[in-house]
N, C-alpha and C. Protein backbone atom coordinates (compact mmCIF):
# COMPACT_ATOMS: atom_id res chain seq x y z
N MET A 1 210.20 123.51 54.09
CA MET A 1 210.91 124.03 55.26
C MET A 1 209.98 123.98 56.48
N SER A 2 210.51 123.52 57.60
CA SER A 2 209.69 123.37 58.79
C SER A 2 209.18 124.71 59.29
N ALA A 3 207.92 124.71 59.75
CA ALA A 3 207.35 125.94 60.31
C ALA A 3 207.78 126.12 61.75
N PHE A 4 208.49 125.14 62.31
CA PHE A 4 208.92 125.18 63.70
C PHE A 4 210.42 125.39 63.81
N LYS A 5 210.82 126.04 64.88
CA LYS A 5 212.26 126.15 65.16
C LYS A 5 212.48 125.92 66.65
N ILE A 6 213.65 125.39 66.97
CA ILE A 6 214.05 125.12 68.34
C ILE A 6 215.14 126.10 68.73
N ARG A 7 215.00 126.66 69.91
CA ARG A 7 216.03 127.57 70.41
C ARG A 7 216.15 127.42 71.92
N GLU A 8 217.24 127.93 72.46
CA GLU A 8 217.44 127.88 73.90
C GLU A 8 216.47 128.83 74.59
N GLY A 9 215.99 128.42 75.75
CA GLY A 9 215.04 129.25 76.50
C GLY A 9 215.71 130.18 77.47
N SER A 10 214.92 131.08 78.03
CA SER A 10 215.40 132.03 79.03
C SER A 10 214.20 132.49 79.85
N MET A 11 214.47 133.30 80.87
CA MET A 11 213.38 133.82 81.69
C MET A 11 212.44 134.72 80.90
N GLU A 12 212.87 135.20 79.74
CA GLU A 12 212.00 136.00 78.90
C GLU A 12 210.85 135.16 78.32
N ASP A 13 211.02 133.85 78.34
CA ASP A 13 209.98 132.94 77.83
C ASP A 13 209.02 132.50 78.91
N LEU A 14 209.15 133.04 80.12
CA LEU A 14 208.42 132.51 81.26
C LEU A 14 206.91 132.46 81.02
N GLN A 15 206.30 133.56 80.65
CA GLN A 15 204.84 133.58 80.51
C GLN A 15 204.36 132.71 79.35
N ALA A 16 205.09 132.69 78.26
CA ALA A 16 204.71 131.84 77.13
C ALA A 16 204.80 130.37 77.51
N ALA A 17 205.85 130.00 78.23
CA ALA A 17 206.00 128.61 78.65
C ALA A 17 204.96 128.25 79.73
N TYR A 18 204.64 129.20 80.60
CA TYR A 18 203.58 128.96 81.58
C TYR A 18 202.26 128.64 80.88
N HIS A 19 202.00 129.33 79.78
CA HIS A 19 200.76 129.09 79.03
C HIS A 19 200.75 127.67 78.45
N VAL A 20 201.88 127.23 77.91
CA VAL A 20 201.96 125.86 77.39
C VAL A 20 201.70 124.85 78.50
N CYS A 21 202.26 125.11 79.68
CA CYS A 21 202.05 124.21 80.82
C CYS A 21 200.57 124.13 81.17
N LEU A 22 199.89 125.26 81.18
CA LEU A 22 198.46 125.29 81.48
C LEU A 22 197.66 124.49 80.45
N LYS A 23 197.98 124.69 79.17
CA LYS A 23 197.21 124.06 78.11
C LYS A 23 197.50 122.56 77.96
N THR A 24 198.45 122.05 78.73
CA THR A 24 198.76 120.62 78.75
C THR A 24 198.63 120.06 80.16
N GLY A 25 198.03 120.84 81.06
CA GLY A 25 198.05 120.53 82.49
C GLY A 25 197.05 119.51 82.98
N ASN A 26 196.26 118.94 82.10
CA ASN A 26 195.29 117.91 82.49
C ASN A 26 195.76 116.57 81.93
N HIS A 27 196.85 116.06 82.48
CA HIS A 27 197.44 114.80 82.02
C HIS A 27 197.74 114.84 80.53
N GLY A 28 198.24 115.95 80.05
CA GLY A 28 198.57 116.14 78.65
C GLY A 28 197.50 116.87 77.87
N ALA A 29 196.29 116.90 78.38
CA ALA A 29 195.20 117.63 77.73
C ALA A 29 195.10 119.04 78.31
N ASP A 30 194.21 119.85 77.75
CA ASP A 30 194.05 121.24 78.15
C ASP A 30 193.59 121.34 79.60
N GLY A 31 194.35 122.06 80.42
CA GLY A 31 194.01 122.21 81.83
C GLY A 31 193.40 123.55 82.18
N GLU A 32 193.10 124.37 81.18
CA GLU A 32 192.64 125.73 81.46
C GLU A 32 191.35 125.74 82.28
N ALA A 33 190.42 124.85 81.97
CA ALA A 33 189.15 124.82 82.69
C ALA A 33 189.32 124.35 84.13
N LEU A 34 190.37 123.59 84.40
CA LEU A 34 190.60 123.09 85.76
C LEU A 34 191.21 124.16 86.66
N TYR A 35 192.10 124.98 86.11
CA TYR A 35 192.89 125.88 86.93
C TYR A 35 192.46 127.34 86.78
N THR A 36 191.16 127.55 86.73
CA THR A 36 190.65 128.92 86.61
C THR A 36 191.03 129.76 87.84
N GLY A 37 191.16 129.13 89.01
CA GLY A 37 191.51 129.86 90.21
C GLY A 37 192.93 130.36 90.22
N ASP A 38 193.82 129.68 89.51
CA ASP A 38 195.23 130.07 89.46
C ASP A 38 195.86 129.40 88.24
N PRO A 39 195.80 130.03 87.07
CA PRO A 39 196.29 129.41 85.84
C PRO A 39 197.78 129.05 85.87
N ASP A 40 198.56 129.72 86.71
CA ASP A 40 200.01 129.48 86.74
C ASP A 40 200.43 128.48 87.81
N ALA A 41 199.46 127.85 88.48
CA ALA A 41 199.79 127.00 89.63
C ALA A 41 200.80 125.92 89.27
N LEU A 42 200.53 125.14 88.24
CA LEU A 42 201.42 124.05 87.86
C LEU A 42 202.77 124.55 87.37
N ALA A 43 202.75 125.60 86.57
CA ALA A 43 203.98 126.07 85.94
C ALA A 43 204.99 126.61 86.94
N ARG A 44 204.53 127.05 88.10
CA ARG A 44 205.48 127.51 89.10
C ARG A 44 206.36 126.39 89.62
N ILE A 45 205.90 125.16 89.46
CA ILE A 45 206.72 124.00 89.83
C ILE A 45 207.46 123.46 88.62
N PHE A 46 206.76 123.28 87.52
CA PHE A 46 207.27 122.49 86.41
C PHE A 46 207.92 123.29 85.28
N VAL A 47 207.92 124.61 85.38
CA VAL A 47 208.55 125.45 84.35
C VAL A 47 209.50 126.47 84.98
N GLY A 48 208.98 127.30 85.88
CA GLY A 48 209.74 128.44 86.39
C GLY A 48 211.13 128.14 86.89
N PRO A 49 211.31 127.18 87.79
CA PRO A 49 212.65 126.95 88.33
C PRO A 49 213.65 126.43 87.30
N TYR A 50 213.17 125.76 86.28
CA TYR A 50 214.09 125.27 85.24
C TYR A 50 214.65 126.43 84.43
N LEU A 51 213.77 127.36 84.05
CA LEU A 51 214.24 128.53 83.32
C LEU A 51 215.14 129.41 84.19
N ALA A 52 214.85 129.44 85.49
CA ALA A 52 215.65 130.28 86.39
C ALA A 52 217.00 129.66 86.70
N PHE A 53 217.04 128.35 86.93
CA PHE A 53 218.25 127.71 87.42
C PHE A 53 219.15 127.13 86.32
N GLU A 54 218.55 126.58 85.27
CA GLU A 54 219.35 125.90 84.25
C GLU A 54 218.85 126.24 82.84
N PRO A 55 218.89 127.53 82.47
CA PRO A 55 218.38 127.93 81.16
C PRO A 55 219.13 127.27 80.01
N GLU A 56 220.38 126.89 80.23
CA GLU A 56 221.15 126.23 79.17
C GLU A 56 220.61 124.84 78.86
N LEU A 57 219.76 124.30 79.73
CA LEU A 57 219.10 123.02 79.49
C LEU A 57 217.60 123.20 79.28
N SER A 58 217.23 124.37 78.79
CA SER A 58 215.83 124.69 78.50
C SER A 58 215.70 125.01 77.02
N LEU A 59 214.86 124.27 76.33
CA LEU A 59 214.63 124.49 74.91
C LEU A 59 213.19 124.90 74.67
N MET A 60 213.00 125.85 73.76
CA MET A 60 211.68 126.31 73.36
C MET A 60 211.42 125.91 71.91
N LEU A 61 210.19 125.50 71.64
CA LEU A 61 209.75 125.25 70.28
C LEU A 61 208.86 126.43 69.87
N GLU A 62 209.17 127.03 68.74
CA GLU A 62 208.44 128.21 68.26
C GLU A 62 207.87 127.97 66.88
N ASP A 63 206.73 128.60 66.62
CA ASP A 63 206.22 128.71 65.25
C ASP A 63 205.85 130.16 65.02
N ALA A 64 205.08 130.42 63.99
CA ALA A 64 204.76 131.81 63.65
C ALA A 64 203.97 132.52 64.74
N ASN A 65 203.30 131.76 65.59
CA ASN A 65 202.49 132.35 66.65
C ASN A 65 203.21 132.44 67.99
N GLY A 66 204.45 131.99 68.03
CA GLY A 66 205.22 132.08 69.27
C GLY A 66 205.56 130.72 69.85
N VAL A 67 205.85 130.67 71.14
CA VAL A 67 206.25 129.44 71.81
C VAL A 67 205.07 128.47 71.83
N CYS A 68 205.30 127.25 71.36
CA CYS A 68 204.25 126.23 71.34
C CYS A 68 204.70 124.93 71.99
N GLY A 69 205.86 124.95 72.63
CA GLY A 69 206.33 123.77 73.34
C GLY A 69 207.64 124.06 74.03
N TYR A 70 208.00 123.18 74.94
CA TYR A 70 209.29 123.31 75.63
C TYR A 70 209.80 121.94 76.05
N ALA A 71 211.10 121.88 76.26
CA ALA A 71 211.76 120.71 76.84
C ALA A 71 212.73 121.26 77.89
N LEU A 72 212.59 120.80 79.12
CA LEU A 72 213.33 121.35 80.25
C LEU A 72 214.05 120.23 80.99
N ALA A 73 215.25 120.51 81.47
CA ALA A 73 216.02 119.46 82.15
C ALA A 73 216.81 120.03 83.31
N ALA A 74 217.18 119.13 84.21
CA ALA A 74 218.11 119.42 85.30
C ALA A 74 219.24 118.41 85.21
N LEU A 75 220.47 118.88 85.28
CA LEU A 75 221.62 117.99 85.12
C LEU A 75 221.73 117.00 86.27
N ASP A 76 221.66 117.50 87.49
CA ASP A 76 221.71 116.65 88.68
C ASP A 76 220.45 116.93 89.50
N SER A 77 219.57 115.97 89.57
CA SER A 77 218.26 116.19 90.17
C SER A 77 218.35 116.61 91.63
N ARG A 78 219.21 115.97 92.41
CA ARG A 78 219.29 116.30 93.82
C ARG A 78 219.81 117.70 94.05
N THR A 79 220.77 118.12 93.24
CA THR A 79 221.27 119.50 93.33
C THR A 79 220.16 120.48 92.95
N PHE A 80 219.42 120.15 91.91
CA PHE A 80 218.32 121.00 91.48
C PHE A 80 217.28 121.12 92.58
N TYR A 81 216.88 120.00 93.19
CA TYR A 81 215.86 120.03 94.23
C TYR A 81 216.35 120.76 95.49
N ASP A 82 217.63 120.65 95.78
CA ASP A 82 218.18 121.41 96.91
C ASP A 82 218.04 122.91 96.66
N ARG A 83 218.32 123.31 95.44
CA ARG A 83 218.21 124.74 95.12
C ARG A 83 216.75 125.17 95.11
N TYR A 84 215.87 124.34 94.56
CA TYR A 84 214.44 124.62 94.58
C TYR A 84 213.96 124.81 96.01
N GLU A 85 214.40 123.95 96.90
CA GLU A 85 213.99 124.00 98.30
C GLU A 85 214.43 125.30 98.97
N CYS A 86 215.64 125.74 98.67
CA CYS A 86 216.19 126.93 99.34
C CYS A 86 215.80 128.24 98.67
N GLU A 87 215.70 128.25 97.35
CA GLU A 87 215.58 129.51 96.62
C GLU A 87 214.21 129.74 95.98
N TRP A 88 213.45 128.69 95.75
CA TRP A 88 212.21 128.84 95.00
C TRP A 88 210.97 128.57 95.87
N ARG A 89 210.98 127.46 96.58
CA ARG A 89 209.80 127.06 97.32
C ARG A 89 209.39 128.03 98.43
N PRO A 90 210.33 128.65 99.17
CA PRO A 90 209.88 129.57 100.23
C PRO A 90 208.97 130.67 99.73
N GLY A 91 209.26 131.21 98.55
CA GLY A 91 208.42 132.26 98.00
C GLY A 91 207.03 131.76 97.64
N LEU A 92 206.95 130.54 97.13
CA LEU A 92 205.65 129.96 96.82
C LEU A 92 204.82 129.79 98.08
N CYS A 93 205.45 129.31 99.14
CA CYS A 93 204.72 129.07 100.38
C CYS A 93 204.24 130.36 101.01
N ARG A 94 205.03 131.42 100.88
CA ARG A 94 204.61 132.72 101.42
C ARG A 94 203.41 133.27 100.65
N SER A 95 203.41 133.07 99.35
CA SER A 95 202.37 133.65 98.50
C SER A 95 201.09 132.82 98.47
N PHE A 96 201.22 131.52 98.70
CA PHE A 96 200.08 130.62 98.58
C PHE A 96 200.01 129.72 99.80
N PRO A 97 199.23 130.10 100.80
CA PRO A 97 199.14 129.31 102.04
C PRO A 97 198.62 127.90 101.77
N MET A 98 198.95 127.02 102.69
CA MET A 98 198.44 125.64 102.61
C MET A 98 196.92 125.68 102.67
N PRO A 99 196.24 125.04 101.72
CA PRO A 99 194.77 125.03 101.74
C PRO A 99 194.22 124.41 103.04
N GLN A 100 193.10 124.93 103.46
CA GLN A 100 192.46 124.43 104.68
C GLN A 100 191.21 123.63 104.31
N GLY A 101 190.68 122.93 105.29
CA GLY A 101 189.47 122.15 105.06
C GLY A 101 189.77 120.78 104.50
N ALA A 102 188.72 120.05 104.15
CA ALA A 102 188.86 118.70 103.64
C ALA A 102 189.47 118.70 102.23
N ARG A 103 190.40 117.80 102.00
CA ARG A 103 191.08 117.74 100.71
C ARG A 103 190.09 117.55 99.56
N GLU A 104 189.04 116.77 99.80
CA GLU A 104 188.08 116.50 98.72
C GLU A 104 187.32 117.75 98.30
N ASP A 105 187.38 118.80 99.12
CA ASP A 105 186.72 120.06 98.78
C ASP A 105 187.65 121.06 98.10
N TRP A 106 188.92 120.72 98.00
CA TRP A 106 189.88 121.64 97.38
C TRP A 106 189.63 121.74 95.87
N THR A 107 189.90 122.90 95.31
CA THR A 107 189.92 123.06 93.87
C THR A 107 191.23 122.48 93.32
N PRO A 108 191.31 122.23 92.01
CA PRO A 108 192.58 121.77 91.44
C PRO A 108 193.73 122.73 91.73
N SER A 109 193.48 124.02 91.71
CA SER A 109 194.54 124.98 92.03
C SER A 109 195.01 124.82 93.46
N GLN A 110 194.08 124.64 94.39
CA GLN A 110 194.45 124.45 95.78
C GLN A 110 195.24 123.16 95.98
N GLU A 111 194.88 122.13 95.23
CA GLU A 111 195.64 120.88 95.31
C GLU A 111 197.11 121.12 94.95
N VAL A 112 197.34 121.89 93.88
CA VAL A 112 198.71 122.19 93.48
C VAL A 112 199.39 123.07 94.53
N HIS A 113 198.66 124.01 95.09
CA HIS A 113 199.25 124.84 96.15
C HIS A 113 199.73 123.98 97.31
N SER A 114 199.01 122.89 97.59
CA SER A 114 199.45 122.00 98.66
C SER A 114 200.79 121.36 98.33
N TRP A 115 201.06 121.17 97.04
CA TRP A 115 202.36 120.59 96.64
C TRP A 115 203.50 121.56 96.93
N TYR A 116 203.21 122.86 96.94
CA TYR A 116 204.24 123.83 97.30
C TYR A 116 204.74 123.55 98.73
N HIS A 117 203.81 123.17 99.59
CA HIS A 117 204.13 122.96 101.00
C HIS A 117 204.61 121.54 101.29
N ALA A 118 204.29 120.60 100.43
CA ALA A 118 204.70 119.20 100.61
C ALA A 118 205.25 118.69 99.27
N PRO A 119 206.43 119.14 98.87
CA PRO A 119 206.96 118.80 97.55
C PRO A 119 207.36 117.33 97.43
N ASP A 120 207.34 116.85 96.21
CA ASP A 120 207.75 115.49 95.90
C ASP A 120 209.11 115.56 95.20
N TYR A 121 210.14 115.11 95.89
CA TYR A 121 211.49 115.13 95.32
C TYR A 121 211.96 113.71 94.96
N HIS A 122 211.02 112.86 94.62
CA HIS A 122 211.37 111.47 94.35
C HIS A 122 212.30 111.34 93.16
N CYS A 123 213.34 110.56 93.32
CA CYS A 123 214.26 110.22 92.24
C CYS A 123 214.36 108.70 92.18
N PRO A 124 214.05 108.10 91.06
CA PRO A 124 214.08 106.63 90.97
C PRO A 124 215.50 106.09 91.02
N GLU A 125 215.61 104.91 91.52
CA GLU A 125 216.90 104.21 91.56
C GLU A 125 217.08 103.35 90.31
N PRO A 126 218.35 103.08 89.92
CA PRO A 126 219.57 103.54 90.57
C PRO A 126 219.90 104.99 90.22
N TYR A 127 219.99 105.84 91.24
CA TYR A 127 220.16 107.26 91.01
C TYR A 127 221.44 107.56 90.23
N ALA A 128 222.52 106.88 90.57
CA ALA A 128 223.81 107.17 89.92
C ALA A 128 223.75 106.94 88.41
N ALA A 129 222.85 106.05 87.98
CA ALA A 129 222.74 105.77 86.55
C ALA A 129 221.87 106.77 85.81
N TYR A 130 220.92 107.42 86.55
CA TYR A 130 219.96 108.33 85.92
C TYR A 130 219.81 109.61 86.75
N PRO A 131 220.88 110.36 86.96
CA PRO A 131 220.78 111.53 87.85
C PRO A 131 220.06 112.73 87.25
N SER A 132 220.05 112.85 85.95
CA SER A 132 219.37 113.97 85.30
C SER A 132 217.88 113.66 85.18
N HIS A 133 217.08 114.73 85.03
CA HIS A 133 215.67 114.50 84.70
C HIS A 133 215.21 115.57 83.72
N LEU A 134 214.13 115.27 83.01
CA LEU A 134 213.60 116.21 82.02
C LEU A 134 212.10 116.03 81.89
N HIS A 135 211.46 117.00 81.29
CA HIS A 135 210.06 116.86 80.88
C HIS A 135 209.77 117.80 79.72
N ILE A 136 208.77 117.45 78.93
CA ILE A 136 208.40 118.23 77.75
C ILE A 136 206.89 118.40 77.70
N ASP A 137 206.45 119.48 77.05
CA ASP A 137 205.04 119.71 76.80
C ASP A 137 204.90 120.46 75.48
N PHE A 138 203.83 120.16 74.76
CA PHE A 138 203.57 120.80 73.47
C PHE A 138 202.10 121.13 73.33
N LEU A 139 201.81 122.25 72.70
CA LEU A 139 200.43 122.57 72.36
C LEU A 139 199.93 121.57 71.31
N GLU A 140 198.63 121.43 71.24
CA GLU A 140 198.02 120.41 70.40
C GLU A 140 198.47 120.51 68.94
N HIS A 141 198.54 121.72 68.41
CA HIS A 141 198.85 121.85 66.98
C HIS A 141 200.29 121.51 66.65
N ALA A 142 201.15 121.40 67.66
CA ALA A 142 202.56 121.09 67.41
C ALA A 142 202.86 119.60 67.56
N ARG A 143 201.85 118.80 67.85
CA ARG A 143 202.07 117.37 68.08
C ARG A 143 201.93 116.57 66.78
N GLY A 144 202.50 115.38 66.81
CA GLY A 144 202.36 114.48 65.68
C GLY A 144 203.16 114.86 64.45
N GLN A 145 204.15 115.71 64.60
CA GLN A 145 204.95 116.17 63.46
C GLN A 145 206.44 115.94 63.66
N GLY A 146 206.78 115.13 64.65
CA GLY A 146 208.19 114.83 64.89
C GLY A 146 208.92 115.84 65.74
N GLN A 147 208.21 116.88 66.20
CA GLN A 147 208.89 117.91 66.98
C GLN A 147 209.30 117.40 68.37
N GLY A 148 208.49 116.51 68.94
CA GLY A 148 208.83 115.96 70.25
C GLY A 148 210.13 115.20 70.22
N ARG A 149 210.29 114.36 69.22
CA ARG A 149 211.54 113.61 69.07
C ARG A 149 212.72 114.56 68.87
N ARG A 150 212.54 115.56 68.03
CA ARG A 150 213.62 116.53 67.79
C ARG A 150 214.03 117.21 69.09
N MET A 151 213.05 117.63 69.87
CA MET A 151 213.34 118.33 71.12
C MET A 151 214.03 117.40 72.12
N MET A 152 213.51 116.19 72.25
CA MET A 152 214.09 115.23 73.19
C MET A 152 215.53 114.90 72.81
N GLU A 153 215.77 114.65 71.54
CA GLU A 153 217.12 114.31 71.11
C GLU A 153 218.08 115.48 71.31
N ALA A 154 217.62 116.69 71.05
CA ALA A 154 218.47 117.87 71.24
C ALA A 154 218.80 118.07 72.71
N LEU A 155 217.81 117.87 73.59
CA LEU A 155 218.05 118.08 75.01
C LEU A 155 218.93 116.96 75.58
N MET A 156 218.72 115.74 75.15
CA MET A 156 219.57 114.65 75.63
C MET A 156 221.01 114.83 75.15
N GLU A 157 221.20 115.40 73.97
CA GLU A 157 222.56 115.69 73.50
C GLU A 157 223.22 116.74 74.39
N LYS A 158 222.46 117.73 74.83
CA LYS A 158 223.01 118.71 75.76
C LYS A 158 223.44 118.05 77.07
N LEU A 159 222.64 117.09 77.55
CA LEU A 159 222.99 116.38 78.77
C LEU A 159 224.24 115.52 78.56
N ARG A 160 224.36 114.90 77.40
CA ARG A 160 225.58 114.12 77.10
C ARG A 160 226.81 115.02 77.12
N GLU A 161 226.68 116.19 76.54
CA GLU A 161 227.81 117.13 76.50
C GLU A 161 228.25 117.53 77.90
N LYS A 162 227.31 117.49 78.84
CA LYS A 162 227.62 117.82 80.23
C LYS A 162 227.98 116.57 81.05
N GLN A 163 228.20 115.46 80.34
CA GLN A 163 228.68 114.20 80.94
C GLN A 163 227.65 113.51 81.83
N SER A 164 226.39 113.71 81.57
CA SER A 164 225.37 112.97 82.31
C SER A 164 225.35 111.52 81.84
N PRO A 165 225.34 110.55 82.78
CA PRO A 165 225.29 109.14 82.38
C PRO A 165 223.90 108.67 81.99
N GLY A 166 222.86 109.38 82.45
CA GLY A 166 221.51 108.95 82.14
C GLY A 166 220.48 109.93 82.66
N VAL A 167 219.24 109.77 82.18
CA VAL A 167 218.18 110.73 82.49
C VAL A 167 216.90 109.96 82.82
N HIS A 168 216.10 110.53 83.71
CA HIS A 168 214.80 109.93 84.02
C HIS A 168 213.71 110.98 83.85
N LEU A 169 212.49 110.51 83.82
CA LEU A 169 211.32 111.39 83.75
C LEU A 169 210.14 110.66 84.36
N GLY A 170 209.13 111.42 84.71
CA GLY A 170 207.90 110.84 85.24
C GLY A 170 206.74 111.13 84.31
N VAL A 171 205.86 110.17 84.14
CA VAL A 171 204.70 110.36 83.26
C VAL A 171 203.46 109.82 83.97
N SER A 172 202.38 110.55 83.86
CA SER A 172 201.12 110.11 84.45
C SER A 172 200.67 108.78 83.85
N MET A 173 200.21 107.88 84.70
CA MET A 173 199.69 106.61 84.21
C MET A 173 198.50 106.80 83.26
N ARG A 174 197.85 107.94 83.36
CA ARG A 174 196.69 108.22 82.50
C ARG A 174 197.09 108.78 81.14
N ASN A 175 198.36 109.16 80.99
CA ASN A 175 198.82 109.75 79.74
C ASN A 175 199.45 108.67 78.87
N LYS A 176 198.60 107.83 78.28
CA LYS A 176 199.08 106.69 77.51
C LYS A 176 199.90 107.11 76.29
N ALA A 177 199.51 108.21 75.67
CA ALA A 177 200.23 108.66 74.47
C ALA A 177 201.66 109.03 74.80
N ALA A 178 201.85 109.76 75.91
CA ALA A 178 203.21 110.15 76.30
C ALA A 178 204.04 108.94 76.67
N LEU A 179 203.44 107.99 77.37
CA LEU A 179 204.17 106.79 77.76
C LEU A 179 204.69 106.05 76.53
N GLY A 180 203.84 105.89 75.53
CA GLY A 180 204.26 105.23 74.29
C GLY A 180 205.36 106.00 73.58
N PHE A 181 205.27 107.32 73.58
CA PHE A 181 206.27 108.16 72.94
C PHE A 181 207.64 107.96 73.59
N TYR A 182 207.69 108.00 74.92
CA TYR A 182 208.97 107.84 75.60
C TYR A 182 209.55 106.44 75.39
N GLN A 183 208.71 105.44 75.37
CA GLN A 183 209.19 104.09 75.14
C GLN A 183 209.77 103.95 73.74
N GLN A 184 209.19 104.63 72.76
CA GLN A 184 209.74 104.61 71.41
C GLN A 184 211.12 105.25 71.35
N LEU A 185 211.38 106.17 72.26
CA LEU A 185 212.69 106.82 72.32
C LEU A 185 213.72 106.02 73.11
N GLY A 186 213.32 104.86 73.61
CA GLY A 186 214.26 104.01 74.31
C GLY A 186 214.23 104.11 75.82
N PHE A 187 213.26 104.83 76.38
CA PHE A 187 213.12 104.90 77.84
C PHE A 187 212.51 103.59 78.35
N GLN A 188 213.01 103.14 79.50
CA GLN A 188 212.52 101.91 80.11
C GLN A 188 211.99 102.20 81.51
N GLU A 189 210.98 101.45 81.90
CA GLU A 189 210.36 101.69 83.20
C GLU A 189 211.33 101.39 84.34
N LEU A 190 211.36 102.32 85.32
CA LEU A 190 212.18 102.16 86.51
C LEU A 190 211.34 101.91 87.75
N ALA A 191 210.20 102.57 87.87
CA ALA A 191 209.39 102.45 89.08
C ALA A 191 208.00 103.02 88.82
N ARG A 192 207.06 102.62 89.71
CA ARG A 192 205.71 103.17 89.71
C ARG A 192 205.39 103.62 91.13
N VAL A 193 204.79 104.79 91.24
CA VAL A 193 204.39 105.30 92.56
C VAL A 193 202.96 105.81 92.47
N GLY A 194 202.26 105.79 93.59
CA GLY A 194 200.90 106.29 93.63
C GLY A 194 199.87 105.24 93.31
N ALA A 195 198.65 105.69 93.13
CA ALA A 195 197.52 104.80 92.87
C ALA A 195 197.69 104.09 91.53
N PRO A 196 197.21 102.84 91.42
CA PRO A 196 197.39 102.08 90.19
C PRO A 196 196.81 102.75 88.95
N ASP A 197 195.74 103.52 89.12
CA ASP A 197 195.08 104.13 87.96
C ASP A 197 195.33 105.64 87.86
N ASP A 198 196.10 106.20 88.79
CA ASP A 198 196.28 107.65 88.79
C ASP A 198 197.63 108.04 89.38
N GLY A 199 198.61 107.17 89.24
CA GLY A 199 199.93 107.44 89.79
C GLY A 199 200.90 107.91 88.72
N CYS A 200 202.18 107.68 88.99
CA CYS A 200 203.25 108.15 88.11
C CYS A 200 204.17 106.98 87.77
N ILE A 201 204.54 106.88 86.51
CA ILE A 201 205.52 105.90 86.06
C ILE A 201 206.83 106.63 85.80
N TYR A 202 207.92 106.17 86.41
CA TYR A 202 209.23 106.74 86.17
C TYR A 202 209.96 105.89 85.14
N LEU A 203 210.49 106.57 84.14
CA LEU A 203 211.23 105.92 83.05
C LEU A 203 212.65 106.46 83.02
N GLY A 204 213.59 105.64 82.56
CA GLY A 204 214.98 106.09 82.47
C GLY A 204 215.62 105.68 81.17
N LYS A 205 216.64 106.43 80.79
CA LYS A 205 217.39 106.14 79.56
C LYS A 205 218.86 106.43 79.80
N THR A 206 219.71 105.49 79.44
CA THR A 206 221.15 105.68 79.53
C THR A 206 221.60 106.58 78.38
N LEU A 207 222.48 107.51 78.70
CA LEU A 207 222.97 108.42 77.68
C LEU A 207 224.38 108.05 77.20
C-alpha cells in the first residue's frame, strides 16, 4: 500500500506548501540557504494565490510526516493573472518595497521581491489552445516513485472536467530533470524566453 495519498488542497495547507516551495526553490533543488532573508518569498507568488483563488485545482501530496508535494493550476491564465494583479499583488508591494541599489548587490530574496513589483504574466501562444497553466513541486524523498505522474494526471483530469482545451507550464532551463519528466508526459515545447542558459522553457499539452 502506498505511503502517499493525494487530496485537494486548501488555505489550511498554506504554510506546509510554502515549505515545499522553499525546499525546491533553487531550480528544483533546496532553496533554504538562498532565501534566508525571506523564506516565503517565492511561495507568495507560486503557491499562495493558487490556494486562495482556485483551491479546487490544488492538490496536496501527503505522507506520514505531512505535506510533501503539491500540484497547482489555474483554469484560465489571463483571468487568474487579472485577479492576482487586483487582489494579491498590491498587498505584496505594500509589505515588500522595491529593492534599491544595484541589482547585482541584491540578495535572492530581494530579487524575488522585485518580481512583486514587475510581475511576469507571460502566456505562450497559441493561447486559445493552452489557456490553463500548472506547476508542481515535491520534496526530495517523494521523488522517483511515480507520485509526480499521479499528481499531474489527476490535476489534468480536473482541468478536462472543467472543459480546458489545453495546459501550459514553464520550467527552468537549468532543471533538466523536470524538463525530461514533462516531455515524458507528452508536453511539447512552445517557446523559450530569457537567457540561453538561465531562462524559461514553456511547454504545452492538449487535453
